[in-house]
């Protein structure tokens, strides 16, 4: 059973999309583009979780380690519908002795299963 990511990121998160497109190029500069597959618009989110207590930062990082960039989880960002994401990259920054920041990149996946 997939888990749900429940932490809320700081304001200023960014979302980007890179449509999956197949392009066929013909003579005279003509090209034809078609969507590549059925899920052609995955979203990538760059998130930051600032001023986390050590316990909260440990719990968030434990969640990311447990999924290890392989297992997907449910997440909804800024009013978007709930979707499946993986996180294959994150960084933990020690701000001071009582607070940490975690930055990470979530990539939307379209795996089967719930």
Protein backbone atom coordinates (compact mmCIF):
# COMPACT_ATOMS: atom_id res chain seq x y z
CA UNK A 1 0.00 0.00 0.00
CA UNK A 2 1.46 3.33 -1.04
CA UNK A 3 2.08 6.02 1.56
CA UNK A 4 1.04 9.67 1.40
CA UNK A 5 3.61 12.46 1.74
CA UNK A 6 2.06 14.88 4.27
CA UNK A 7 4.70 17.57 4.90
CA UNK A 8 3.97 21.05 3.51
CA UNK A 9 6.75 22.85 1.63
CA UNK A 10 7.72 26.49 1.97
CA UNK A 11 6.26 29.04 -0.42
CA UNK A 12 8.28 29.55 -3.59
CA UNK A 13 8.26 25.94 -4.77
CA UNK A 14 8.52 25.53 -8.52
CA UNK A 15 6.79 23.15 -10.91
CA UNK A 16 8.03 22.33 -14.38
CA UNK A 17 6.80 20.09 -17.17
CA UNK A 18 8.58 18.53 -20.10
CA UNK A 19 6.04 17.06 -22.55
CA UNK A 20 6.94 13.69 -24.03
CA UNK A 21 6.85 14.27 -27.78
CA UNK A 22 8.00 12.22 -30.75
CA UNK A 23 9.15 14.32 -33.70
CA UNK A 24 9.56 13.09 -37.25
CA UNK A 25 11.59 15.41 -39.48
CA UNK A 26 11.09 15.46 -43.21
CA UNK A 27 12.72 17.35 -46.07
CA UNK A 28 12.53 21.13 -46.45
CA UNK A 29 12.36 21.69 -42.69
CA UNK A 30 8.93 20.11 -42.28
CA UNK A 31 8.39 18.26 -38.98
CA UNK A 32 5.47 16.41 -37.46
CA UNK A 33 5.04 16.08 -33.69
CA UNK A 34 2.82 13.65 -31.79
CA UNK A 35 2.46 12.87 -28.09
CA UNK A 36 4.71 10.02 -27.04
CA UNK A 37 2.49 7.65 -25.07
CA UNK A 38 -0.60 8.28 -23.00
CA UNK A 39 0.95 10.15 -20.05
CA UNK A 40 2.80 12.86 -21.87
CA UNK A 41 2.94 15.67 -19.31
CA UNK A 42 4.76 14.58 -16.13
CA UNK A 43 5.38 17.29 -13.56
CA UNK A 44 8.65 17.89 -11.72
CA UNK A 45 8.48 19.80 -8.41
CA UNK A 46 11.37 21.54 -6.66
CA UNK A 47 10.43 21.79 -3.00
CA UNK A 48 11.99 23.23 0.12
CA UNK A 49 11.08 22.46 3.73
CA UNK A 50 12.57 25.21 5.89
CA UNK A 51 13.20 25.53 9.63
CA UNK A 52 12.29 21.95 10.45
CA UNK A 53 12.92 20.68 13.95
CA UNK A 54 15.44 17.85 14.10
CA UNK A 55 12.64 15.34 14.77
CA UNK A 56 10.55 16.57 11.83
CA UNK A 57 13.57 16.64 9.50
CA UNK A 58 14.51 13.11 10.61
CA UNK A 59 10.96 11.88 9.92
CA UNK A 60 10.84 13.54 6.47
CA UNK A 61 14.26 12.19 5.50
CA UNK A 62 13.31 8.74 6.79
CA UNK A 63 10.27 8.81 4.48
CA UNK A 64 12.47 9.70 1.49
CA UNK A 65 15.08 7.05 2.36
CA UNK A 66 12.37 4.41 2.82
CA UNK A 67 11.12 5.09 -0.72
CA UNK A 68 14.66 5.38 -2.06
CA UNK A 69 13.75 6.95 -5.41
CA UNK A 70 12.12 3.64 -6.39
CA UNK A 71 8.79 3.36 -4.58
CA UNK A 72 6.21 5.99 -5.46
CA UNK A 73 4.02 7.85 -2.97
CA UNK A 74 0.90 10.01 -3.14
CA UNK A 75 1.32 13.80 -3.01
CA UNK A 76 -0.80 16.86 -3.79
CA UNK A 77 0.86 20.22 -4.30
CA UNK A 78 -0.77 23.65 -4.17
CA UNK A 79 -4.29 22.64 -5.09
CA UNK A 80 -3.28 20.18 -7.80
CA UNK A 81 -4.92 16.74 -7.85
CA UNK A 82 -3.27 13.96 -5.84
CA UNK A 83 -0.72 12.15 -8.01
CA UNK A 84 2.07 9.56 -7.79
CA UNK A 85 5.61 10.85 -7.28
CA UNK A 86 9.11 9.58 -6.62
CA UNK A 87 11.96 11.50 -5.04
CA UNK A 88 15.40 10.49 -6.24
CA UNK A 89 17.30 13.51 -4.99
CA UNK A 90 17.27 15.54 -1.80
CA UNK A 91 19.62 17.59 0.33
CA UNK A 92 19.56 18.23 4.07
CA UNK A 93 21.08 21.49 5.30
CA UNK A 94 21.87 22.11 8.95
CA UNK A 95 20.77 25.72 9.54
CA UNK A 96 21.64 25.84 13.22
CA UNK A 97 21.67 23.46 16.14
CA UNK A 98 17.87 23.25 16.34
CA UNK A 99 16.68 23.59 12.73
CA UNK A 100 17.31 21.94 9.37
CA UNK A 101 16.17 22.55 5.81
CA UNK A 102 15.46 19.80 3.30
CA UNK A 103 15.28 20.54 -0.42
CA UNK A 104 14.12 17.87 -2.84
CA UNK A 105 12.85 17.16 -6.33
CA UNK A 106 9.66 15.18 -6.86
CA UNK A 107 9.01 13.61 -10.26
CA UNK A 108 5.54 12.49 -11.25
CA UNK A 109 5.24 8.85 -12.34
CA UNK A 110 2.39 6.94 -13.93
CA UNK A 111 3.03 3.46 -12.53
CA UNK A 112 0.15 0.98 -12.33
CA UNK A 113 -1.32 0.11 -8.96
CA UNK A 114 -2.65 2.07 -6.07
